[in-house]
Amino acid sequence: DIPEGKMIDYLMASASFPGFKLNPIG
């Protein structure tokens, strides 16, 4: 389900603890 080339982006999203810098996907 994860777009090609975006695996690490979504892994980071899953582990985006409150207080961490938020990096958008799209």
mmCIF file of all heavy atoms, coordinates in Angstrom:
data_MODEL
# 
_entry.id   MODEL 
# 
loop_
_atom_site.group_PDB 
_atom_site.id 
_atom_site.type_symbol 
_atom_site.label_atom_id 
_atom_site.label_alt_id 
_atom_site.label_comp_id 
_atom_site.label_asym_id 
_atom_site.label_entity_id 
_atom_site.label_seq_id 
_atom_site.pdbx_PDB_ins_code 
_atom_site.Cartn_x 
_atom_site.Cartn_y 
_atom_site.Cartn_z 
_atom_site.occupancy 
_atom_site.B_iso_or_equiv 
_atom_site.pdbx_formal_charge 
_atom_site.auth_seq_id 
_atom_site.auth_comp_id 
_atom_site.auth_asym_id 
_atom_site.auth_atom_id 
_atom_site.pdbx_PDB_model_num 
ATOM 1   N N   . ASP A 1 1  ? 0.821  -1.222 0.000  1.00 0.00 ? 1  ASP A N   1 
ATOM 2   C CA  . ASP A 1 1  ? 0.000  0.000  0.000  1.00 0.00 ? 1  ASP A CA  1 
ATOM 3   C C   . ASP A 1 1  ? 0.851  1.266  0.000  1.00 0.00 ? 1  ASP A C   1 
ATOM 4   O O   . ASP A 1 1  ? 0.345  2.366  -0.264 1.00 0.00 ? 1  ASP A O   1 
ATOM 5   C CB  . ASP A 1 1  ? -0.899 0.032  1.245  1.00 0.00 ? 1  ASP A CB  1 
ATOM 6   C CG  . ASP A 1 1  ? -1.846 -1.147 1.313  1.00 0.00 ? 1  ASP A CG  1 
ATOM 7   O OD1 . ASP A 1 1  ? -2.315 -1.575 0.245  1.00 0.00 ? 1  ASP A OD1 1 
ATOM 8   O OD2 . ASP A 1 1  ? -2.106 -1.645 2.423  1.00 0.00 ? 1  ASP A OD2 1 
ATOM 9   N N   . ILE A 1 2  ? 2.125  1.119  0.339  1.00 0.00 ? 2  ILE A N   1 
ATOM 10  C CA  . ILE A 1 2  ? 3.008  2.278  0.469  1.00 0.00 ? 2  ILE A CA  1 
ATOM 11  C C   . ILE A 1 2  ? 3.635  2.604  -0.890 1.00 0.00 ? 2  ILE A C   1 
ATOM 12  O O   . ILE A 1 2  ? 4.188  1.723  -1.557 1.00 0.00 ? 2  ILE A O   1 
ATOM 13  C CB  . ILE A 1 2  ? 4.103  1.988  1.513  1.00 0.00 ? 2  ILE A CB  1 
ATOM 14  C CG1 . ILE A 1 2  ? 3.453  1.778  2.899  1.00 0.00 ? 2  ILE A CG1 1 
ATOM 15  C CG2 . ILE A 1 2  ? 5.135  3.116  1.569  1.00 0.00 ? 2  ILE A CG2 1 
ATOM 16  C CD1 . ILE A 1 2  ? 4.409  1.293  3.969  1.00 0.00 ? 2  ILE A CD1 1 
ATOM 17  N N   . PRO A 1 3  ? 3.522  3.856  -1.340 1.00 0.00 ? 3  PRO A N   1 
ATOM 18  C CA  . PRO A 1 3  ? 4.071  4.227  -2.652 1.00 0.00 ? 3  PRO A CA  1 
ATOM 19  C C   . PRO A 1 3  ? 5.560  3.928  -2.757 1.00 0.00 ? 3  PRO A C   1 
ATOM 20  O O   . PRO A 1 3  ? 6.303  3.999  -1.766 1.00 0.00 ? 3  PRO A O   1 
ATOM 21  C CB  . PRO A 1 3  ? 3.801  5.740  -2.733 1.00 0.00 ? 3  PRO A CB  1 
ATOM 22  C CG  . PRO A 1 3  ? 2.664  5.975  -1.791 1.00 0.00 ? 3  PRO A CG  1 
ATOM 23  C CD  . PRO A 1 3  ? 2.854  4.996  -0.675 1.00 0.00 ? 3  PRO A CD  1 
ATOM 24  N N   . GLU A 1 4  ? 5.990  3.583  -3.973 1.00 0.00 ? 4  GLU A N   1 
ATOM 25  C CA  . GLU A 1 4  ? 7.406  3.307  -4.232 1.00 0.00 ? 4  GLU A CA  1 
ATOM 26  C C   . GLU A 1 4  ? 8.262  4.497  -3.800 1.00 0.00 ? 4  GLU A C   1 
ATOM 27  O O   . GLU A 1 4  ? 7.923  5.651  -4.059 1.00 0.00 ? 4  GLU A O   1 
ATOM 28  C CB  . GLU A 1 4  ? 7.631  3.035  -5.724 1.00 0.00 ? 4  GLU A CB  1 
ATOM 29  C CG  . GLU A 1 4  ? 7.012  1.741  -6.221 1.00 0.00 ? 4  GLU A CG  1 
ATOM 30  C CD  . GLU A 1 4  ? 7.829  0.516  -5.849 1.00 0.00 ? 4  GLU A CD  1 
ATOM 31  O OE1 . GLU A 1 4  ? 9.021  0.691  -5.494 1.00 0.00 ? 4  GLU A OE1 1 
ATOM 32  O OE2 . GLU A 1 4  ? 7.288  -0.601 -5.909 1.00 0.00 ? 4  GLU A OE2 1 
ATOM 33  N N   . GLY A 1 5  ? 9.358  4.202  -3.132 1.00 0.00 ? 5  GLY A N   1 
ATOM 34  C CA  . GLY A 1 5  ? 10.285 5.237  -2.698 1.00 0.00 ? 5  GLY A CA  1 
ATOM 35  C C   . GLY A 1 5  ? 9.901  5.936  -1.417 1.00 0.00 ? 5  GLY A C   1 
ATOM 36  O O   . GLY A 1 5  ? 10.614 6.831  -0.947 1.00 0.00 ? 5  GLY A O   1 
ATOM 37  N N   . LYS A 1 6  ? 8.774  5.529  -0.792 1.00 0.00 ? 6  LYS A N   1 
ATOM 38  C CA  . LYS A 1 6  ? 8.275  6.211  0.401  1.00 0.00 ? 6  LYS A CA  1 
ATOM 39  C C   . LYS A 1 6  ? 8.315  5.336  1.662  1.00 0.00 ? 6  LYS A C   1 
ATOM 40  O O   . LYS A 1 6  ? 7.755  5.714  2.692  1.00 0.00 ? 6  LYS A O   1 
ATOM 41  C CB  . LYS A 1 6  ? 6.837  6.692  0.174  1.00 0.00 ? 6  LYS A CB  1 
ATOM 42  C CG  . LYS A 1 6  ? 6.674  7.702  -0.946 1.00 0.00 ? 6  LYS A CG  1 
ATOM 43  C CD  . LYS A 1 6  ? 7.374  9.010  -0.603 1.00 0.00 ? 6  LYS A CD  1 
ATOM 44  C CE  . LYS A 1 6  ? 7.156  10.060 -1.689 1.00 0.00 ? 6  LYS A CE  1 
ATOM 45  N NZ  . LYS A 1 6  ? 7.829  11.344 -1.344 1.00 0.00 ? 6  LYS A NZ  1 
ATOM 46  N N   . MET A 1 7  ? 8.982  4.189  1.600  1.00 0.00 ? 7  MET A N   1 
ATOM 47  C CA  . MET A 1 7  ? 8.952  3.266  2.728  1.00 0.00 ? 7  MET A CA  1 
ATOM 48  C C   . MET A 1 7  ? 9.519  3.907  4.000  1.00 0.00 ? 7  MET A C   1 
ATOM 49  O O   . MET A 1 7  ? 8.904  3.842  5.078  1.00 0.00 ? 7  MET A O   1 
ATOM 50  C CB  . MET A 1 7  ? 9.734  1.995  2.392  1.00 0.00 ? 7  MET A CB  1 
ATOM 51  C CG  . MET A 1 7  ? 9.632  0.914  3.456  1.00 0.00 ? 7  MET A CG  1 
ATOM 52  S SD  . MET A 1 7  ? 7.959  0.240  3.623  1.00 0.00 ? 7  MET A SD  1 
ATOM 53  C CE  . MET A 1 7  ? 7.784  -0.620 2.049  1.00 0.00 ? 7  MET A CE  1 
ATOM 54  N N   . ILE A 1 8  ? 10.680 4.537  3.887  1.00 0.00 ? 8  ILE A N   1 
ATOM 55  C CA  . ILE A 1 8  ? 11.282 5.149  5.072  1.00 0.00 ? 8  ILE A CA  1 
ATOM 56  C C   . ILE A 1 8  ? 10.441 6.318  5.569  1.00 0.00 ? 8  ILE A C   1 
ATOM 57  O O   . ILE A 1 8  ? 10.313 6.539  6.781  1.00 0.00 ? 8  ILE A O   1 
ATOM 58  C CB  . ILE A 1 8  ? 12.737 5.576  4.778  1.00 0.00 ? 8  ILE A CB  1 
ATOM 59  C CG1 . ILE A 1 8  ? 13.623 4.317  4.653  1.00 0.00 ? 8  ILE A CG1 1 
ATOM 60  C CG2 . ILE A 1 8  ? 13.279 6.483  5.881  1.00 0.00 ? 8  ILE A CG2 1 
ATOM 61  C CD1 . ILE A 1 8  ? 15.071 4.581  4.323  1.00 0.00 ? 8  ILE A CD1 1 
ATOM 62  N N   . ASP A 1 9  ? 9.819  7.052  4.654  1.00 0.00 ? 9  ASP A N   1 
ATOM 63  C CA  . ASP A 1 9  ? 8.934  8.144  5.059  1.00 0.00 ? 9  ASP A CA  1 
ATOM 64  C C   . ASP A 1 9  ? 7.812  7.627  5.956  1.00 0.00 ? 9  ASP A C   1 
ATOM 65  O O   . ASP A 1 9  ? 7.493  8.222  6.988  1.00 0.00 ? 9  ASP A O   1 
ATOM 66  C CB  . ASP A 1 9  ? 8.319  8.825  3.832  1.00 0.00 ? 9  ASP A CB  1 
ATOM 67  C CG  . ASP A 1 9  ? 9.341  9.619  3.030  1.00 0.00 ? 9  ASP A CG  1 
ATOM 68  O OD1 . ASP A 1 9  ? 10.335 10.078 3.634  1.00 0.00 ? 9  ASP A OD1 1 
ATOM 69  O OD2 . ASP A 1 9  ? 9.150  9.766  1.818  1.00 0.00 ? 9  ASP A OD2 1 
ATOM 70  N N   . TYR A 1 10 ? 7.210  6.507  5.570  1.00 0.00 ? 10 TYR A N   1 
ATOM 71  C CA  . TYR A 1 10 ? 6.093  5.973  6.346  1.00 0.00 ? 10 TYR A CA  1 
ATOM 72  C C   . TYR A 1 10 ? 6.569  5.286  7.631  1.00 0.00 ? 10 TYR A C   1 
ATOM 73  O O   . TYR A 1 10 ? 5.850  5.282  8.636  1.00 0.00 ? 10 TYR A O   1 
ATOM 74  C CB  . TYR A 1 10 ? 5.241  5.038  5.490  1.00 0.00 ? 10 TYR A CB  1 
ATOM 75  C CG  . TYR A 1 10 ? 4.254  5.805  4.635  1.00 0.00 ? 10 TYR A CG  1 
ATOM 76  C CD1 . TYR A 1 10 ? 4.589  6.203  3.340  1.00 0.00 ? 10 TYR A CD1 1 
ATOM 77  C CD2 . TYR A 1 10 ? 3.005  6.179  5.136  1.00 0.00 ? 10 TYR A CD2 1 
ATOM 78  C CE1 . TYR A 1 10 ? 3.705  6.934  2.553  1.00 0.00 ? 10 TYR A CE1 1 
ATOM 79  C CE2 . TYR A 1 10 ? 2.112  6.906  4.370  1.00 0.00 ? 10 TYR A CE2 1 
ATOM 80  C CZ  . TYR A 1 10 ? 2.467  7.286  3.080  1.00 0.00 ? 10 TYR A CZ  1 
ATOM 81  O OH  . TYR A 1 10 ? 1.570  8.026  2.320  1.00 0.00 ? 10 TYR A OH  1 
ATOM 82  N N   . LEU A 1 11 ? 7.766  4.723  7.612  1.00 0.00 ? 11 LEU A N   1 
ATOM 83  C CA  . LEU A 1 11 ? 8.333  4.198  8.853  1.00 0.00 ? 11 LEU A CA  1 
ATOM 84  C C   . LEU A 1 11 ? 8.554  5.336  9.848  1.00 0.00 ? 11 LEU A C   1 
ATOM 85  O O   . LEU A 1 11 ? 8.251  5.206  11.041 1.00 0.00 ? 11 LEU A O   1 
ATOM 86  C CB  . LEU A 1 11 ? 9.652  3.472  8.573  1.00 0.00 ? 11 LEU A CB  1 
ATOM 87  C CG  . LEU A 1 11 ? 9.552  2.125  7.855  1.00 0.00 ? 11 LEU A CG  1 
ATOM 88  C CD1 . LEU A 1 11 ? 10.935 1.643  7.445  1.00 0.00 ? 11 LEU A CD1 1 
ATOM 89  C CD2 . LEU A 1 11 ? 8.866  1.085  8.741  1.00 0.00 ? 11 LEU A CD2 1 
ATOM 90  N N   . MET A 1 12 ? 9.071  6.449  9.359  1.00 0.00 ? 12 MET A N   1 
ATOM 91  C CA  . MET A 1 12 ? 9.261  7.624  10.217 1.00 0.00 ? 12 MET A CA  1 
ATOM 92  C C   . MET A 1 12 ? 7.924  8.152  10.715 1.00 0.00 ? 12 MET A C   1 
ATOM 93  O O   . MET A 1 12 ? 7.796  8.574  11.865 1.00 0.00 ? 12 MET A O   1 
ATOM 94  C CB  . MET A 1 12 ? 10.004 8.717  9.447  1.00 0.00 ? 12 MET A CB  1 
ATOM 95  C CG  . MET A 1 12 ? 11.458 8.395  9.124  1.00 0.00 ? 12 MET A CG  1 
ATOM 96  S SD  . MET A 1 12 ? 12.526 8.395  10.580 1.00 0.00 ? 12 MET A SD  1 
ATOM 97  C CE  . MET A 1 12 ? 12.502 10.143 11.038 1.00 0.00 ? 12 MET A CE  1 
ATOM 98  N N   . ALA A 1 13 ? 6.920  8.115  9.845  1.00 0.00 ? 13 ALA A N   1 
ATOM 99  C CA  . ALA A 1 13 ? 5.584  8.585  10.239 1.00 0.00 ? 13 ALA A CA  1 
ATOM 100 C C   . ALA A 1 13 ? 5.006  7.721  11.356 1.00 0.00 ? 13 ALA A C   1 
ATOM 101 O O   . ALA A 1 13 ? 4.390  8.224  12.297 1.00 0.00 ? 13 ALA A O   1 
ATOM 102 C CB  . ALA A 1 13 ? 4.653  8.570  9.030  1.00 0.00 ? 13 ALA A CB  1 
ATOM 103 N N   . SER A 1 14 ? 5.214  6.414  11.263 1.00 0.00 ? 14 SER A N   1 
ATOM 104 C CA  . SER A 1 14 ? 4.702  5.507  12.280 1.00 0.00 ? 14 SER A CA  1 
ATOM 105 C C   . SER A 1 14 ? 5.349  5.764  13.628 1.00 0.00 ? 14 SER A C   1 
ATOM 106 O O   . SER A 1 14 ? 4.732  5.528  14.676 1.00 0.00 ? 14 SER A O   1 
ATOM 107 C CB  . SER A 1 14 ? 4.950  4.052  11.863 1.00 0.00 ? 14 SER A CB  1 
ATOM 108 O OG  . SER A 1 14 ? 4.446  3.153  12.830 1.00 0.00 ? 14 SER A OG  1 
ATOM 109 N N   . ALA A 1 15 ? 6.593  6.284  13.613 1.00 0.00 ? 15 ALA A N   1 
ATOM 110 C CA  . ALA A 1 15 ? 7.353  6.509  14.848 1.00 0.00 ? 15 ALA A CA  1 
ATOM 111 C C   . ALA A 1 15 ? 7.481  7.988  15.184 1.00 0.00 ? 15 ALA A C   1 
ATOM 112 O O   . ALA A 1 15 ? 8.414  8.394  15.872 1.00 0.00 ? 15 ALA A O   1 
ATOM 113 C CB  . ALA A 1 15 ? 8.733  5.883  14.709 1.00 0.00 ? 15 ALA A CB  1 
ATOM 114 N N   . SER A 1 16 ? 6.529  8.796  14.717 1.00 0.00 ? 16 SER A N   1 
ATOM 115 C CA  . SER A 1 16 ? 6.598  10.242 14.949 1.00 0.00 ? 16 SER A CA  1 
ATOM 116 C C   . SER A 1 16 ? 6.060  10.601 16.327 1.00 0.00 ? 16 SER A C   1 
ATOM 117 O O   . SER A 1 16 ? 4.910  10.999 16.502 1.00 0.00 ? 16 SER A O   1 
ATOM 118 C CB  . SER A 1 16 ? 5.811  10.991 13.854 1.00 0.00 ? 16 SER A CB  1 
ATOM 119 O OG  . SER A 1 16 ? 5.991  12.378 13.973 1.00 0.00 ? 16 SER A OG  1 
ATOM 120 N N   . PHE A 1 17 ? 6.910  10.450 17.313 1.00 0.00 ? 17 PHE A N   1 
ATOM 121 C CA  . PHE A 1 17 ? 6.566  10.692 18.712 1.00 0.00 ? 17 PHE A CA  1 
ATOM 122 C C   . PHE A 1 17 ? 6.223  12.166 18.931 1.00 0.00 ? 17 PHE A C   1 
ATOM 123 O O   . PHE A 1 17 ? 6.841  13.040 18.330 1.00 0.00 ? 17 PHE A O   1 
ATOM 124 C CB  . PHE A 1 17 ? 7.762  10.288 19.579 1.00 0.00 ? 17 PHE A CB  1 
ATOM 125 C CG  . PHE A 1 17 ? 7.492  10.229 21.051 1.00 0.00 ? 17 PHE A CG  1 
ATOM 126 C CD1 . PHE A 1 17 ? 6.937  9.097  21.617 1.00 0.00 ? 17 PHE A CD1 1 
ATOM 127 C CD2 . PHE A 1 17 ? 7.813  11.305 21.875 1.00 0.00 ? 17 PHE A CD2 1 
ATOM 128 C CE1 . PHE A 1 17 ? 6.711  9.024  22.982 1.00 0.00 ? 17 PHE A CE1 1 
ATOM 129 C CE2 . PHE A 1 17 ? 7.581  11.249 23.236 1.00 0.00 ? 17 PHE A CE2 1 
ATOM 130 C CZ  . PHE A 1 17 ? 7.026  10.101 23.793 1.00 0.00 ? 17 PHE A CZ  1 
ATOM 131 N N   . PRO A 1 18 ? 5.238  12.462 19.808 1.00 0.00 ? 18 PRO A N   1 
ATOM 132 C CA  . PRO A 1 18 ? 4.916  13.866 20.100 1.00 0.00 ? 18 PRO A CA  1 
ATOM 133 C C   . PRO A 1 18 ? 6.153  14.628 20.589 1.00 0.00 ? 18 PRO A C   1 
ATOM 134 O O   . PRO A 1 18 ? 6.854  14.174 21.487 1.00 0.00 ? 18 PRO A O   1 
ATOM 135 C CB  . PRO A 1 18 ? 3.867  13.761 21.204 1.00 0.00 ? 18 PRO A CB  1 
ATOM 136 C CG  . PRO A 1 18 ? 3.222  12.440 20.974 1.00 0.00 ? 18 PRO A CG  1 
ATOM 137 C CD  . PRO A 1 18 ? 4.327  11.536 20.492 1.00 0.00 ? 18 PRO A CD  1 
ATOM 138 N N   . GLY A 1 19 ? 6.414  15.751 19.970 1.00 0.00 ? 19 GLY A N   1 
ATOM 139 C CA  . GLY A 1 19 ? 7.605  16.530 20.279 1.00 0.00 ? 19 GLY A CA  1 
ATOM 140 C C   . GLY A 1 19 ? 8.658  16.426 19.196 1.00 0.00 ? 19 GLY A C   1 
ATOM 141 O O   . GLY A 1 19 ? 9.568  17.247 19.119 1.00 0.00 ? 19 GLY A O   1 
ATOM 142 N N   . PHE A 1 20 ? 8.544  15.397 18.339 1.00 0.00 ? 20 PHE A N   1 
ATOM 143 C CA  . PHE A 1 20 ? 9.445  15.273 17.206 1.00 0.00 ? 20 PHE A CA  1 
ATOM 144 C C   . PHE A 1 20 ? 9.037  16.265 16.116 1.00 0.00 ? 20 PHE A C   1 
ATOM 145 O O   . PHE A 1 20 ? 7.868  16.632 15.997 1.00 0.00 ? 20 PHE A O   1 
ATOM 146 C CB  . PHE A 1 20 ? 9.393  13.869 16.605 1.00 0.00 ? 20 PHE A CB  1 
ATOM 147 C CG  . PHE A 1 20 ? 10.116 12.813 17.396 1.00 0.00 ? 20 PHE A CG  1 
ATOM 148 C CD1 . PHE A 1 20 ? 10.760 13.106 18.590 1.00 0.00 ? 20 PHE A CD1 1 
ATOM 149 C CD2 . PHE A 1 20 ? 10.154 11.511 16.934 1.00 0.00 ? 20 PHE A CD2 1 
ATOM 150 C CE1 . PHE A 1 20 ? 11.423 12.129 19.306 1.00 0.00 ? 20 PHE A CE1 1 
ATOM 151 C CE2 . PHE A 1 20 ? 10.819 10.515 17.646 1.00 0.00 ? 20 PHE A CE2 1 
ATOM 152 C CZ  . PHE A 1 20 ? 11.455 10.826 18.839 1.00 0.00 ? 20 PHE A CZ  1 
ATOM 153 N N   . LYS A 1 21 ? 9.989  16.660 15.317 1.00 0.00 ? 21 LYS A N   1 
ATOM 154 C CA  . LYS A 1 21 ? 9.701  17.505 14.163 1.00 0.00 ? 21 LYS A CA  1 
ATOM 155 C C   . LYS A 1 21 ? 8.816  16.731 13.193 1.00 0.00 ? 21 LYS A C   1 
ATOM 156 O O   . LYS A 1 21 ? 9.088  15.578 12.864 1.00 0.00 ? 21 LYS A O   1 
ATOM 157 C CB  . LYS A 1 21 ? 11.001 17.907 13.469 1.00 0.00 ? 21 LYS A CB  1 
ATOM 158 C CG  . LYS A 1 21 ? 10.801 18.799 12.259 1.00 0.00 ? 21 LYS A CG  1 
ATOM 159 C CD  . LYS A 1 21 ? 12.139 19.166 11.642 1.00 0.00 ? 21 LYS A CD  1 
ATOM 160 C CE  . LYS A 1 21 ? 11.953 20.049 10.413 1.00 0.00 ? 21 LYS A CE  1 
ATOM 161 N NZ  . LYS A 1 21 ? 13.255 20.405 9.799  1.00 0.00 ? 21 LYS A NZ  1 
ATOM 162 N N   . LEU A 1 22 ? 7.751  17.360 12.736 1.00 0.00 ? 22 LEU A N   1 
ATOM 163 C CA  . LEU A 1 22 ? 6.822  16.713 11.812 1.00 0.00 ? 22 LEU A CA  1 
ATOM 164 C C   . LEU A 1 22 ? 7.269  16.958 10.370 1.00 0.00 ? 22 LEU A C   1 
ATOM 165 O O   . LEU A 1 22 ? 7.380  18.099 9.928  1.00 0.00 ? 22 LEU A O   1 
ATOM 166 C CB  . LEU A 1 22 ? 5.411  17.262 12.016 1.00 0.00 ? 22 LEU A CB  1 
ATOM 167 C CG  . LEU A 1 22 ? 4.751  16.927 13.366 1.00 0.00 ? 22 LEU A CG  1 
ATOM 168 C CD1 . LEU A 1 22 ? 3.428  17.665 13.490 1.00 0.00 ? 22 LEU A CD1 1 
ATOM 169 C CD2 . LEU A 1 22 ? 4.545  15.428 13.501 1.00 0.00 ? 22 LEU A CD2 1 
ATOM 170 N N   . ASN A 1 23 ? 7.528  15.869 9.674  1.00 0.00 ? 23 ASN A N   1 
ATOM 171 C CA  . ASN A 1 23 ? 7.932  15.961 8.268  1.00 0.00 ? 23 ASN A CA  1 
ATOM 172 C C   . ASN A 1 23 ? 6.797  15.455 7.389  1.00 0.00 ? 23 ASN A C   1 
ATOM 173 O O   . ASN A 1 23 ? 6.386  14.288 7.519  1.00 0.00 ? 23 ASN A O   1 
ATOM 174 C CB  . ASN A 1 23 ? 9.193  15.131 8.039  1.00 0.00 ? 23 ASN A CB  1 
ATOM 175 C CG  . ASN A 1 23 ? 10.380 15.673 8.815  1.00 0.00 ? 23 ASN A CG  1 
ATOM 176 O OD1 . ASN A 1 23 ? 10.811 16.798 8.597  1.00 0.00 ? 23 ASN A OD1 1 
ATOM 177 N ND2 . ASN A 1 23 ? 10.897 14.874 9.740  1.00 0.00 ? 23 ASN A ND2 1 
ATOM 178 N N   . PRO A 1 24 ? 6.269  16.287 6.517  1.00 0.00 ? 24 PRO A N   1 
ATOM 179 C CA  . PRO A 1 24 ? 5.117  15.864 5.714  1.00 0.00 ? 24 PRO A CA  1 
ATOM 180 C C   . PRO A 1 24 ? 5.472  14.831 4.669  1.00 0.00 ? 24 PRO A C   1 
ATOM 181 O O   . PRO A 1 24 ? 6.607  14.744 4.198  1.00 0.00 ? 24 PRO A O   1 
ATOM 182 C CB  . PRO A 1 24 ? 4.665  17.174 5.047  1.00 0.00 ? 24 PRO A CB  1 
ATOM 183 C CG  . PRO A 1 24 ? 5.922  17.989 4.940  1.00 0.00 ? 24 PRO A CG  1 
ATOM 184 C CD  . PRO A 1 24 ? 6.711  17.654 6.184  1.00 0.00 ? 24 PRO A CD  1 
ATOM 185 N N   . ILE A 1 25 ? 4.486  14.017 4.325  1.00 0.00 ? 25 ILE A N   1 
ATOM 186 C CA  . ILE A 1 25 ? 4.573  13.144 3.158  1.00 0.00 ? 25 ILE A CA  1 
ATOM 187 C C   . ILE A 1 25 ? 3.569  13.730 2.171  1.00 0.00 ? 25 ILE A C   1 
ATOM 188 O O   . ILE A 1 25 ? 2.355  13.674 2.406  1.00 0.00 ? 25 ILE A O   1 
ATOM 189 C CB  . ILE A 1 25 ? 4.220  11.688 3.504  1.00 0.00 ? 25 ILE A CB  1 
ATOM 190 C CG1 . ILE A 1 25 ? 5.155  11.154 4.600  1.00 0.00 ? 25 ILE A CG1 1 
ATOM 191 C CG2 . ILE A 1 25 ? 4.321  10.814 2.250  1.00 0.00 ? 25 ILE A CG2 1 
ATOM 192 C CD1 . ILE A 1 25 ? 4.815  9.755  5.073  1.00 0.00 ? 25 ILE A CD1 1 
ATOM 193 N N   . GLY A 1 26 ? 4.068  14.321 1.115  1.00 0.00 ? 26 GLY A N   1 
ATOM 194 C CA  . GLY A 1 26 ? 3.198  15.109 0.238  1.00 0.00 ? 26 GLY A CA  1 
ATOM 195 C C   . GLY A 1 26 ? 2.755  16.342 1.001  1.00 0.00 ? 26 GLY A C   1 
ATOM 196 O O   . GLY A 1 26 ? 3.571  17.089 1.533  1.00 0.00 ? 26 GLY A O   1 
# 
